[in-house]
Amino acid sequence: MELKADIKWDDRGLVPAIVQDARTGQVLTLAYMNGEALEKCVSTGEAYFWSRSRSELWRKGATSGNTQRILEIRYDCDGDTLLLLVEPCGPACHTGQQSCFYRRLWGKEGSA
């Protein structure tokens, strides 16, 4: 099976990847992958992404130690978004927060 065949890559060769804690269901982050990052994820079982700001491949936790072990990779009905179900080892956010989505823009706390 060709891993990348059903994925709709954008004009830069990237696809958004939502990262979710497989145990709790909490959304941890949104990152981007290119083909190389996806292949590394599948071959190693660890989260790899493409840094749009640095234009380079990066392994989650390479500097922080906060790695993410991938249990499953899914893709949506349109093939234009990936979902990584992970087992996190430490916080996902570079700020030290468990999730990158810790700031509320609108709505009541606990209304999700």
PDB file of N, CA and C in Angstrom:
ATOM      1  N   MET A   1       0.838  -1.182   0.000  1.00  0.00           N
ATOM      2  CA  MET A   1       0.000   0.000   0.000  1.00  0.00           C
ATOM      3  C   MET A   1       0.886   1.249   0.000  1.00  0.00           C
ATOM      4  N   GLU A   2       0.597   2.156  -0.876  1.00  0.00           N
ATOM      5  CA  GLU A   2       1.303   3.431  -0.934  1.00  0.00           C
ATOM      6  C   GLU A   2       0.710   4.345   0.128  1.00  0.00           C
ATOM      7  N   LEU A   3       1.494   4.677   1.139  1.00  0.00           N
ATOM      8  CA  LEU A   3       1.010   5.483   2.260  1.00  0.00           C
ATOM      9  C   LEU A   3       0.462   6.833   1.837  1.00  0.00           C
ATOM     10  N   LYS A   4       1.118   7.458   0.897  1.00  0.00           N
ATOM     11  CA  LYS A   4       0.784   8.835   0.552  1.00  0.00           C
ATOM     12  C   LYS A   4      -0.246   8.945  -0.568  1.00  0.00           C
ATOM     13  N   ALA A   5      -0.692   7.829  -1.137  1.00  0.00           N
ATOM     14  CA  ALA A   5      -1.547   7.863  -2.323  1.00  0.00           C
ATOM     15  C   ALA A   5      -2.891   8.546  -2.084  1.00  0.00           C
ATOM     16  N   ASP A   6      -3.515   8.333  -0.953  1.00  0.00           N
ATOM     17  CA  ASP A   6      -4.840   8.880  -0.690  1.00  0.00           C
ATOM     18  C   ASP A   6      -4.817  10.251  -0.021  1.00  0.00           C
ATOM     19  N   ILE A   7      -3.634  10.780   0.242  1.00  0.00           N
ATOM     20  CA  ILE A   7      -3.520  12.062   0.925  1.00  0.00           C
ATOM     21  C   ILE A   7      -3.498  13.196  -0.105  1.00  0.00           C
ATOM     22  N   LYS A   8      -4.280  14.227   0.162  1.00  0.00           N
ATOM     23  CA  LYS A   8      -4.299  15.408  -0.699  1.00  0.00           C
ATOM     24  C   LYS A   8      -3.356  16.453  -0.100  1.00  0.00           C
ATOM     25  N   TRP A   9      -2.162  16.534  -0.646  1.00  0.00           N
ATOM     26  CA  TRP A   9      -1.140  17.459  -0.190  1.00  0.00           C
ATOM     27  C   TRP A   9      -1.439  18.841  -0.756  1.00  0.00           C
ATOM     28  N   ASP A  10      -1.117  19.891  -0.005  1.00  0.00           N
ATOM     29  CA  ASP A  10      -1.333  21.242  -0.519  1.00  0.00           C
ATOM     30  C   ASP A  10      -0.248  21.579  -1.548  1.00  0.00           C
ATOM     31  N   ASP A  11      -0.260  22.795  -2.053  1.00  0.00           N
ATOM     32  CA  ASP A  11       0.681  23.179  -3.106  1.00  0.00           C
ATOM     33  C   ASP A  11       2.129  23.235  -2.627  1.00  0.00           C
ATOM     34  N   ARG A  12       2.345  23.185  -1.297  1.00  0.00           N
ATOM     35  CA  ARG A  12       3.704  23.129  -0.748  1.00  0.00           C
ATOM     36  C   ARG A  12       4.098  21.697  -0.373  1.00  0.00           C
ATOM     37  N   GLY A  13       3.203  20.727  -0.652  1.00  0.00           N
ATOM     38  CA  GLY A  13       3.485  19.341  -0.306  1.00  0.00           C
ATOM     39  C   GLY A  13       3.239  19.020   1.149  1.00  0.00           C
ATOM     40  N   LEU A  14       2.351  19.786   1.800  1.00  0.00           N
ATOM     41  CA  LEU A  14       2.071  19.615   3.222  1.00  0.00           C
ATOM     42  C   LEU A  14       0.624  19.227   3.454  1.00  0.00           C
ATOM     43  N   VAL A  15       0.380  18.617   4.605  1.00  0.00           N
ATOM     44  CA  VAL A  15      -0.965  18.290   5.056  1.00  0.00           C
ATOM     45  C   VAL A  15      -1.036  18.571   6.558  1.00  0.00           C
ATOM     46  N   PRO A  16      -2.152  19.177   7.039  1.00  0.00           N
ATOM     47  CA  PRO A  16      -2.269  19.397   8.481  1.00  0.00           C
ATOM     48  C   PRO A  16      -2.443  18.072   9.221  1.00  0.00           C
ATOM     49  N   ALA A  17      -1.873  18.007  10.416  1.00  0.00           N
ATOM     50  CA  ALA A  17      -1.958  16.809  11.245  1.00  0.00           C
ATOM     51  C   ALA A  17      -2.414  17.206  12.646  1.00  0.00           C
ATOM     52  N   ILE A  18      -3.587  16.744  13.022  1.00  0.00           N
ATOM     53  CA  ILE A  18      -4.111  16.962  14.368  1.00  0.00           C
ATOM     54  C   ILE A  18      -3.539  15.863  15.251  1.00  0.00           C
ATOM     55  N   VAL A  19      -3.034  16.249  16.415  1.00  0.00           N
ATOM     56  CA  VAL A  19      -2.471  15.272  17.342  1.00  0.00           C
ATOM     57  C   VAL A  19      -3.383  15.204  18.561  1.00  0.00           C
ATOM     58  N   GLN A  20      -3.826  13.982  18.869  1.00  0.00           N
ATOM     59  CA  GLN A  20      -4.796  13.758  19.943  1.00  0.00           C
ATOM     60  C   GLN A  20      -4.268  12.702  20.900  1.00  0.00           C
ATOM     61  N   ASP A  21      -4.442  12.941  22.195  1.00  0.00           N
ATOM     62  CA  ASP A  21      -4.080  11.966  23.216  1.00  0.00           C
ATOM     63  C   ASP A  21      -5.026  10.776  23.079  1.00  0.00           C
ATOM     64  N   ALA A  22      -4.500   9.610  22.782  1.00  0.00           N
ATOM     65  CA  ALA A  22      -5.329   8.423  22.557  1.00  0.00           C
ATOM     66  C   ALA A  22      -6.074   7.996  23.815  1.00  0.00           C
ATOM     67  N   ARG A  23      -5.521   8.282  24.972  1.00  0.00           N
ATOM     68  CA  ARG A  23      -6.135   7.863  26.233  1.00  0.00           C
ATOM     69  C   ARG A  23      -7.283   8.777  26.642  1.00  0.00           C
ATOM     70  N   THR A  24      -7.058  10.098  26.563  1.00  0.00           N
ATOM     71  CA  THR A  24      -8.046  11.049  27.076  1.00  0.00           C
ATOM     72  C   THR A  24      -8.926  11.673  26.004  1.00  0.00           C
ATOM     73  N   GLY A  25      -8.477  11.637  24.753  1.00  0.00           N
ATOM     74  CA  GLY A  25      -9.206  12.280  23.670  1.00  0.00           C
ATOM     75  C   GLY A  25      -8.884  13.757  23.528  1.00  0.00           C
ATOM     76  N   GLN A  26      -8.046  14.310  24.397  1.00  0.00           N
ATOM     77  CA  GLN A  26      -7.697  15.731  24.338  1.00  0.00           C
ATOM     78  C   GLN A  26      -6.890  16.025  23.075  1.00  0.00           C
ATOM     79  N   VAL A  27      -7.276  17.095  22.373  1.00  0.00           N
ATOM     80  CA  VAL A  27      -6.500  17.547  21.222  1.00  0.00           C
ATOM     81  C   VAL A  27      -5.263  18.250  21.761  1.00  0.00           C
ATOM     82  N   LEU A  28      -4.096  17.798  21.318  1.00  0.00           N
ATOM     83  CA  LEU A  28      -2.839  18.322  21.844  1.00  0.00           C
ATOM     84  C   LEU A  28      -2.251  19.432  20.992  1.00  0.00           C
ATOM     85  N   THR A  29      -2.279  19.257  19.685  1.00  0.00           N
ATOM     86  CA  THR A  29      -1.681  20.257  18.811  1.00  0.00           C
ATOM     87  C   THR A  29      -2.133  20.058  17.377  1.00  0.00           C
ATOM     88  N   LEU A  30      -1.824  21.031  16.557  1.00  0.00           N
ATOM     89  CA  LEU A  30      -1.987  20.950  15.113  1.00  0.00           C
ATOM     90  C   LEU A  30      -0.627  21.283  14.519  1.00  0.00           C
ATOM     91  N   ALA A  31      -0.119  20.379  13.703  1.00  0.00           N
ATOM     92  CA  ALA A  31       1.177  20.594  13.061  1.00  0.00           C
ATOM     93  C   ALA A  31       1.013  20.231  11.582  1.00  0.00           C
ATOM     94  N   TYR A  32       2.098  20.308  10.841  1.00  0.00           N
ATOM     95  CA  TYR A  32       2.056  19.977   9.423  1.00  0.00           C
ATOM     96  C   TYR A  32       3.063  18.883   9.114  1.00  0.00           C
ATOM     97  N   MET A  33       2.719  18.064   8.130  1.00  0.00           N
ATOM     98  CA  MET A  33       3.611  16.998   7.689  1.00  0.00           C
ATOM     99  C   MET A  33       3.825  17.092   6.192  1.00  0.00           C
ATOM    100  N   ASN A  34       5.011  16.678   5.787  1.00  0.00           N
ATOM    101  CA  ASN A  34       5.259  16.417   4.375  1.00  0.00           C
ATOM    102  C   ASN A  34       5.412  14.907   4.231  1.00  0.00           C
ATOM    103  N   GLY A  35       5.708  14.435   3.052  1.00  0.00           N
ATOM    104  CA  GLY A  35       5.827  12.995   2.832  1.00  0.00           C
ATOM    105  C   GLY A  35       6.904  12.348   3.674  1.00  0.00           C
ATOM    106  N   GLU A  36       8.033  13.029   3.826  1.00  0.00           N
ATOM    107  CA  GLU A  36       9.126  12.486   4.630  1.00  0.00           C
ATOM    108  C   GLU A  36       8.708  12.338   6.095  1.00  0.00           C
ATOM    109  N   ALA A  37       8.013  13.332   6.629  1.00  0.00           N
ATOM    110  CA  ALA A  37       7.562  13.260   8.021  1.00  0.00           C
ATOM    111  C   ALA A  37       6.611  12.088   8.219  1.00  0.00           C
ATOM    112  N   LEU A  38       5.685  11.907   7.289  1.00  0.00           N
ATOM    113  CA  LEU A  38       4.745  10.788   7.386  1.00  0.00           C
ATOM    114  C   LEU A  38       5.478   9.452   7.346  1.00  0.00           C
ATOM    115  N   GLU A  39       6.422   9.323   6.442  1.00  0.00           N
ATOM    116  CA  GLU A  39       7.196   8.075   6.358  1.00  0.00           C
ATOM    117  C   GLU A  39       7.974   7.801   7.641  1.00  0.00           C
ATOM    118  N   LYS A  40       8.565   8.859   8.242  1.00  0.00           N
ATOM    119  CA  LYS A  40       9.308   8.692   9.499  1.00  0.00           C
ATOM    120  C   LYS A  40       8.373   8.272  10.632  1.00  0.00           C
ATOM    121  N   CYS A  41       7.174   8.855  10.655  1.00  0.00           N
ATOM    122  CA  CYS A  41       6.190   8.471  11.678  1.00  0.00           C
ATOM    123  C   CYS A  41       5.873   6.983  11.589  1.00  0.00           C
ATOM    124  N   VAL A  42       5.634   6.525  10.392  1.00  0.00           N
ATOM    125  CA  VAL A  42       5.258   5.121  10.192  1.00  0.00           C
ATOM    126  C   VAL A  42       6.436   4.191  10.480  1.00  0.00           C
ATOM    127  N   SER A  43       7.637   4.576  10.073  1.00  0.00           N
ATOM    128  CA  SER A  43       8.786   3.689  10.252  1.00  0.00           C
ATOM    129  C   SER A  43       9.302   3.652  11.690  1.00  0.00           C
ATOM    130  N   THR A  44       9.101   4.751  12.450  1.00  0.00           N
ATOM    131  CA  THR A  44       9.651   4.806  13.812  1.00  0.00           C
ATOM    132  C   THR A  44       8.595   4.697  14.910  1.00  0.00           C
ATOM    133  N   GLY A  45       7.336   5.042  14.585  1.00  0.00           N
ATOM    134  CA  GLY A  45       6.294   5.079  15.607  1.00  0.00           C
ATOM    135  C   GLY A  45       6.363   6.318  16.482  1.00  0.00           C
ATOM    136  N   GLU A  46       7.196   7.288  16.094  1.00  0.00           N
ATOM    137  CA  GLU A  46       7.318   8.554  16.814  1.00  0.00           C
ATOM    138  C   GLU A  46       6.816   9.688  15.942  1.00  0.00           C
ATOM    139  N   ALA A  47       6.379  10.783  16.581  1.00  0.00           N
ATOM    140  CA  ALA A  47       5.836  11.920  15.841  1.00  0.00           C
ATOM    141  C   ALA A  47       6.946  12.772  15.232  1.00  0.00           C
ATOM    142  N   TYR A  48       6.851  12.952  13.925  1.00  0.00           N
ATOM    143  CA  TYR A  48       7.724  13.841  13.153  1.00  0.00           C
ATOM    144  C   TYR A  48       6.832  14.811  12.406  1.00  0.00           C
ATOM    145  N   PHE A  49       7.301  16.037  12.239  1.00  0.00           N
ATOM    146  CA  PHE A  49       6.530  17.053  11.542  1.00  0.00           C
ATOM    147  C   PHE A  49       7.454  17.869  10.656  1.00  0.00           C
ATOM    148  N   TRP A  50       6.844  18.718   9.819  1.00  0.00           N
ATOM    149  CA  TRP A  50       7.590  19.654   9.004  1.00  0.00           C
ATOM    150  C   TRP A  50       7.401  21.042   9.587  1.00  0.00           C
ATOM    151  N   SER A  51       8.495  21.698   9.910  1.00  0.00           N
ATOM    152  CA  SER A  51       8.442  23.063  10.429  1.00  0.00           C
ATOM    153  C   SER A  51       8.325  24.024   9.257  1.00  0.00           C
ATOM    154  N   ARG A  52       7.205  24.721   9.185  1.00  0.00           N
ATOM    155  CA  ARG A  52       7.014  25.691   8.108  1.00  0.00           C
ATOM    156  C   ARG A  52       7.900  26.915   8.311  1.00  0.00           C
ATOM    157  N   SER A  53       8.171  27.285   9.552  1.00  0.00           N
ATOM    158  CA  SER A  53       8.995  28.473   9.806  1.00  0.00           C
ATOM    159  C   SER A  53      10.485  28.208   9.574  1.00  0.00           C
ATOM    160  N   ARG A  54      10.940  27.002   9.882  1.00  0.00           N
ATOM    161  CA  ARG A  54      12.354  26.667   9.721  1.00  0.00           C
ATOM    162  C   ARG A  54      12.631  25.870   8.443  1.00  0.00           C
ATOM    163  N   SER A  55      11.574  25.433   7.762  1.00  0.00           N
ATOM    164  CA  SER A  55      11.707  24.612   6.543  1.00  0.00           C
ATOM    165  C   SER A  55      12.596  23.399   6.782  1.00  0.00           C
ATOM    166  N   GLU A  56      12.242  22.650   7.864  1.00  0.00           N
ATOM    167  CA  GLU A  56      13.011  21.438   8.153  1.00  0.00           C
ATOM    168  C   GLU A  56      12.148  20.416   8.890  1.00  0.00           C
ATOM    169  N   LEU A  57      12.542  19.175   8.765  1.00  0.00           N
ATOM    170  CA  LEU A  57      11.895  18.075   9.468  1.00  0.00           C
ATOM    171  C   LEU A  57      12.272  18.156  10.939  1.00  0.00           C
ATOM    172  N   TRP A  58      11.322  17.883  11.840  1.00  0.00           N
ATOM    173  CA  TRP A  58      11.652  17.847  13.262  1.00  0.00           C
ATOM    174  C   TRP A  58      10.909  16.711  13.955  1.00  0.00           C
ATOM    175  N   ARG A  59      11.598  16.097  14.895  1.00  0.00           N
ATOM    176  CA  ARG A  59      11.006  15.039  15.715  1.00  0.00           C
ATOM    177  C   ARG A  59      10.473  15.680  16.979  1.00  0.00           C
ATOM    178  N   LYS A  60       9.211  15.447  17.277  1.00  0.00           N
ATOM    179  CA  LYS A  60       8.600  16.001  18.493  1.00  0.00           C
ATOM    180  C   LYS A  60       9.372  15.502  19.705  1.00  0.00           C
ATOM    181  N   GLY A  61       9.840  16.436  20.505  1.00  0.00           N
ATOM    182  CA  GLY A  61      10.577  16.090  21.712  1.00  0.00           C
ATOM    183  C   GLY A  61      12.079  16.009  21.543  1.00  0.00           C
ATOM    184  N   ALA A  62      12.585  16.306  20.358  1.00  0.00           N
ATOM    185  CA  ALA A  62      14.030  16.206  20.121  1.00  0.00           C
ATOM    186  C   ALA A  62      14.821  17.092  21.084  1.00  0.00           C
ATOM    187  N   THR A  63      14.311  18.281  21.380  1.00  0.00           N
ATOM    188  CA  THR A  63      15.020  19.162  22.315  1.00  0.00           C
ATOM    189  C   THR A  63      14.380  19.165  23.705  1.00  0.00           C
ATOM    190  N   SER A  64      13.054  19.027  23.778  1.00  0.00           N
ATOM    191  CA  SER A  64      12.353  19.107  25.066  1.00  0.00           C
ATOM    192  C   SER A  64      12.287  17.770  25.807  1.00  0.00           C
ATOM    193  N   GLY A  65      12.382  16.680  25.061  1.00  0.00           N
ATOM    194  CA  GLY A  65      12.192  15.365  25.665  1.00  0.00           C
ATOM    195  C   GLY A  65      10.728  14.960  25.743  1.00  0.00           C
ATOM    196  N   ASN A  66       9.820  15.844  25.340  1.00  0.00           N
ATOM    197  CA  ASN A  66       8.380  15.573  25.386  1.00  0.00           C
ATOM    198  C   ASN A  66       7.931  14.903  24.087  1.00  0.00           C
ATOM    199  N   THR A  67       8.195  13.624  24.005  1.00  0.00           N
ATOM    200  CA  THR A  67       7.923  12.864  22.790  1.00  0.00           C
ATOM    201  C   THR A  67       6.461  12.431  22.705  1.00  0.00           C
ATOM    202  N   GLN A  68       6.094  11.922  21.533  1.00  0.00           N
ATOM    203  CA  GLN A  68       4.753  11.394  21.315  1.00  0.00           C
ATOM    204  C   GLN A  68       4.879  10.067  20.569  1.00  0.00           C
ATOM    205  N   ARG A  69       4.459   8.989  21.220  1.00  0.00           N
ATOM    206  CA  ARG A  69       4.466   7.668  20.587  1.00  0.00           C
ATOM    207  C   ARG A  69       3.149   7.494  19.846  1.00  0.00           C
ATOM    208  N   ILE A  70       3.230   7.215  18.561  1.00  0.00           N
ATOM    209  CA  ILE A  70       2.035   7.104  17.728  1.00  0.00           C
ATOM    210  C   ILE A  70       1.440   5.708  17.848  1.00  0.00           C
ATOM    211  N   LEU A  71       0.148   5.657  18.155  1.00  0.00           N
ATOM    212  CA  LEU A  71      -0.573   4.394  18.211  1.00  0.00           C
ATOM    213  C   LEU A  71      -1.338   4.136  16.917  1.00  0.00           C
ATOM    214  N   GLU A  72      -1.766   5.231  16.276  1.00  0.00           N
ATOM    215  CA  GLU A  72      -2.558   5.090  15.058  1.00  0.00           C
ATOM    216  C   GLU A  72      -2.517   6.400  14.275  1.00  0.00           C
ATOM    217  N   ILE A  73      -2.542   6.282  12.947  1.00  0.00           N
ATOM    218  CA  ILE A  73      -2.664   7.454  12.074  1.00  0.00           C
ATOM    219  C   ILE A  73      -3.906   7.245  11.223  1.00  0.00           C
ATOM    220  N   ARG A  74      -4.787   8.233  11.240  1.00  0.00           N
ATOM    221  CA  ARG A  74      -6.012   8.194  10.435  1.00  0.00           C
ATOM    222  C   ARG A  74      -6.000   9.381   9.477  1.00  0.00           C
ATOM    223  N   TYR A  75      -6.848   9.326   8.469  1.00  0.00           N
ATOM    224  CA  TYR A  75      -7.038  10.495   7.614  1.00  0.00           C
ATOM    225  C   TYR A  75      -8.527  10.694   7.392  1.00  0.00           C
ATOM    226  N   ASP A  76      -8.906  11.945   7.143  1.00  0.00           N
ATOM    227  CA  ASP A  76     -10.325  12.282   7.067  1.00  0.00           C
ATOM    228  C   ASP A  76     -10.943  11.886   5.722  1.00  0.00           C
ATOM    229  N   CYS A  77     -12.256  12.080   5.622  1.00  0.00           N
ATOM    230  CA  CYS A  77     -13.012  11.652   4.446  1.00  0.00           C
ATOM    231  C   CYS A  77     -12.542  12.326   3.159  1.00  0.00           C
ATOM    232  N   ASP A  78     -12.008  13.532   3.255  1.00  0.00           N
ATOM    233  CA  ASP A  78     -11.510  14.241   2.077  1.00  0.00           C
ATOM    234  C   ASP A  78     -10.048  13.928   1.780  1.00  0.00           C
ATOM    235  N   GLY A  79      -9.373  13.286   2.713  1.00  0.00           N
ATOM    236  CA  GLY A  79      -7.962  12.959   2.530  1.00  0.00           C
ATOM    237  C   GLY A  79      -7.035  14.143   2.683  1.00  0.00           C
ATOM    238  N   ASP A  80      -7.546  15.246   3.281  1.00  0.00           N
ATOM    239  CA  ASP A  80      -6.712  16.442   3.369  1.00  0.00           C
ATOM    240  C   ASP A  80      -6.302  16.814   4.792  1.00  0.00           C
ATOM    241  N   THR A  81      -6.536  15.929   5.749  1.00  0.00           N
ATOM    242  CA  THR A  81      -6.113  16.143   7.130  1.00  0.00           C
ATOM    243  C   THR A  81      -5.794  14.795   7.767  1.00  0.00           C
ATOM    244  N   LEU A  82      -4.705  14.750   8.521  1.00  0.00           N
ATOM    245  CA  LEU A  82      -4.335  13.544   9.254  1.00  0.00           C
ATOM    246  C   LEU A  82      -4.703  13.704  10.724  1.00  0.00           C
ATOM    247  N   LEU A  83      -4.929  12.581  11.381  1.00  0.00           N
ATOM    248  CA  LEU A  83      -5.167  12.536  12.818  1.00  0.00           C
ATOM    249  C   LEU A  83      -4.203  11.520  13.410  1.00  0.00           C
ATOM    250  N   LEU A  84      -3.357  11.980  14.315  1.00  0.00           N
ATOM    251  CA  LEU A  84      -2.429  11.091  15.005  1.00  0.00           C
ATOM    252  C   LEU A  84      -2.956  10.836  16.405  1.00  0.00           C
ATOM    253  N   LEU A  85      -3.184   9.595  16.735  1.00  0.00           N
ATOM    254  CA  LEU A  85      -3.560   9.197  18.091  1.00  0.00           C
ATOM    255  C   LEU A  85      -2.273   8.777  18.773  1.00  0.00           C
ATOM    256  N   VAL A  86      -1.919   9.509  19.826  1.00  0.00           N
ATOM    257  CA  VAL A  86      -0.600   9.335  20.431  1.00  0.00           C
ATOM    258  C   VAL A  86      -0.680   9.049  21.918  1.00  0.00           C
ATOM    259  N   GLU A  87       0.422   8.562  22.404  1.00  0.00           N
ATOM    260  CA  GLU A  87       0.660   8.422  23.839  1.00  0.00           C
ATOM    261  C   GLU A  87       1.736   9.454  24.172  1.00  0.00           C
ATOM    262  N   PRO A  88       1.340  10.603  24.754  1.00  0.00           N
ATOM    263  CA  PRO A  88       2.324  11.656  25.008  1.00  0.00           C
ATOM    264  C   PRO A  88       3.202  11.349  26.213  1.00  0.00           C
ATOM    265  N   CYS A  89       4.438  11.777  26.099  1.00  0.00           N
ATOM    266  CA  CYS A  89       5.375  11.709  27.221  1.00  0.00           C
ATOM    267  C   CYS A  89       5.743  13.144  27.548  1.00  0.00           C
ATOM    268  N   GLY A  90       4.921  13.789  28.370  1.00  0.00           N
ATOM    269  CA  GLY A  90       5.133  15.184  28.705  1.00  0.00           C
ATOM    270  C   GLY A  90       4.189  16.086  27.942  1.00  0.00           C
ATOM    271  N   PRO A  91       4.253  17.377  28.221  1.00  0.00           N
ATOM    272  CA  PRO A  91       3.362  18.336  27.580  1.00  0.00           C
ATOM    273  C   PRO A  91       3.612  18.439  26.075  1.00  0.00           C
ATOM    274  N   ALA A  92       2.558  18.777  25.342  1.00  0.00           N
ATOM    275  CA  ALA A  92       2.667  18.919  23.891  1.00  0.00           C
ATOM    276  C   ALA A  92       3.145  20.311  23.489  1.00  0.00           C
ATOM    277  N   CYS A  93       2.788  21.312  24.265  1.00  0.00           N
ATOM    278  CA  CYS A  93       3.044  22.704  23.882  1.00  0.00           C
ATOM    279  C   CYS A  93       4.431  23.169  24.329  1.00  0.00           C
ATOM    280  N   HIS A  94       5.060  23.990  23.488  1.00  0.00           N
ATOM    281  CA  HIS A  94       6.373  24.536  23.835  1.00  0.00           C
ATOM    282  C   HIS A  94       6.310  25.467  25.044  1.00  0.00           C
ATOM    283  N   THR A  95       5.084  25.898  25.441  1.00  0.00           N
ATOM    284  CA  THR A  95       4.933  26.752  26.627  1.00  0.00           C
ATOM    285  C   THR A  95       4.933  25.946  27.924  1.00  0.00           C
ATOM    286  N   GLY A  96       4.863  24.615  27.799  1.00  0.00           N
ATOM    287  CA  GLY A  96       4.780  23.757  28.969  1.00  0.00           C
ATOM    288  C   GLY A  96       3.363  23.302  29.277  1.00  0.00           C
ATOM    289  N   GLN A  97       2.391  23.831  28.545  1.00  0.00           N
ATOM    290  CA  GLN A  97       0.998  23.403  28.717  1.00  0.00           C
ATOM    291  C   GLN A  97       0.814  22.003  28.122  1.00  0.00           C
ATOM    292  N   GLN A  98      -0.121  21.254  28.684  1.00  0.00           N
ATOM    293  CA  GLN A  98      -0.395  19.900  28.197  1.00  0.00           C
ATOM    294  C   GLN A  98      -0.836  19.915  26.734  1.00  0.00           C
ATOM    295  N   SER A  99      -1.650  20.901  26.374  1.00  0.00           N
ATOM    296  CA  SER A  99      -2.162  21.053  25.016  1.00  0.00           C
ATOM    297  C   SER A  99      -1.837  22.451  24.515  1.00  0.00           C
ATOM    298  N   CYS A 100      -1.660  22.596  23.220  1.00  0.00           N
ATOM    299  CA  CYS A 100      -1.468  23.922  22.628  1.00  0.00           C
ATOM    300  C   CYS A 100      -2.762  24.731  22.659  1.00  0.00           C
ATOM    301  N   PHE A 101      -3.893  24.064  22.889  1.00  0.00           N
ATOM    302  CA  PHE A 101      -5.197  24.722  22.892  1.00  0.00           C
ATOM    303  C   PHE A 101      -5.658  25.016  24.322  1.00  0.00           C
ATOM    304  N   TYR A 102      -4.872  25.765  25.052  1.00  0.00           N
ATOM    305  CA  TYR A 102      -5.178  26.082  26.452  1.00  0.00           C
ATOM    306  C   TYR A 102      -5.817  27.458  26.619  1.00  0.00           C
ATOM    307  N   ARG A 103      -5.870  28.261  25.553  1.00  0.00           N
ATOM    308  CA  ARG A 103      -6.442  29.607  25.654  1.00  0.00           C
ATOM    309  C   ARG A 103      -7.856  29.622  25.077  1.00  0.00           C
ATOM    310  N   ARG A 104      -8.783  30.233  25.809  1.00  0.00           N
ATOM    311  CA  ARG A 104     -10.177  30.297  25.381  1.00  0.00           C
ATOM    312  C   ARG A 104     -10.421  31.601  24.644  1.00  0.00           C
ATOM    313  N   LEU A 105     -11.019  31.510  23.470  1.00  0.00           N
ATOM    314  CA  LEU A 105     -11.392  32.686  22.689  1.00  0.00           C
ATOM    315  C   LEU A 105     -12.828  33.074  22.946  1.00  0.00           C
ATOM    316  N   TRP A 106     -13.699  32.086  23.113  1.00  0.00           N
ATOM    317  CA  TRP A 106     -15.113  32.351  23.292  1.00  0.00           C
ATOM    318  C   TRP A 106     -15.786  31.155  23.963  1.00  0.00           C
ATOM    319  N   GLY A 107     -16.831  31.394  24.713  1.00  0.00           N
ATOM    320  CA  GLY A 107     -17.628  30.327  25.333  1.00  0.00           C
ATOM    321  C   GLY A 107     -17.298  30.129  26.793  1.00  0.00           C
ATOM    322  N   LYS A 108     -18.191  29.409  27.436  1.00  0.00           N
ATOM    323  CA  LYS A 108     -18.049  29.147  28.859  1.00  0.00           C
ATOM    324  C   LYS A 108     -17.107  27.972  29.103  1.00  0.00           C
ATOM    325  N   GLU A 109     -16.373  28.037  30.182  1.00  0.00           N
ATOM    326  CA  GLU A 109     -15.498  26.933  30.584  1.00  0.00           C
ATOM    327  C   GLU A 109     -16.356  25.699  30.826  1.00  0.00           C
ATOM    328  N   GLY A 110     -15.868  24.567  30.325  1.00  0.00           N
ATOM    329  CA  GLY A 110     -16.570  23.306  30.520  1.00  0.00           C
ATOM    330  C   GLY A 110     -17.740  23.106  29.586  1.00  0.00           C
ATOM    331  N   SER A 111     -17.918  23.973  28.589  1.00  0.00           N
ATOM    332  CA  SER A 111     -19.058  23.843  27.685  1.00  0.00           C
ATOM    333  C   SER A 111     -18.771  22.939  26.499  1.00  0.00           C
ATOM    334  N   ALA A 112     -17.555  22.432  26.404  1.00  0.00           N
ATOM    335  CA  ALA A 112     -17.207  21.554  25.290  1.00  0.00           C
ATOM    336  C   ALA A 112     -17.879  20.254  25.497  1.00  0.00           C
TER     337      ALA A 112
END
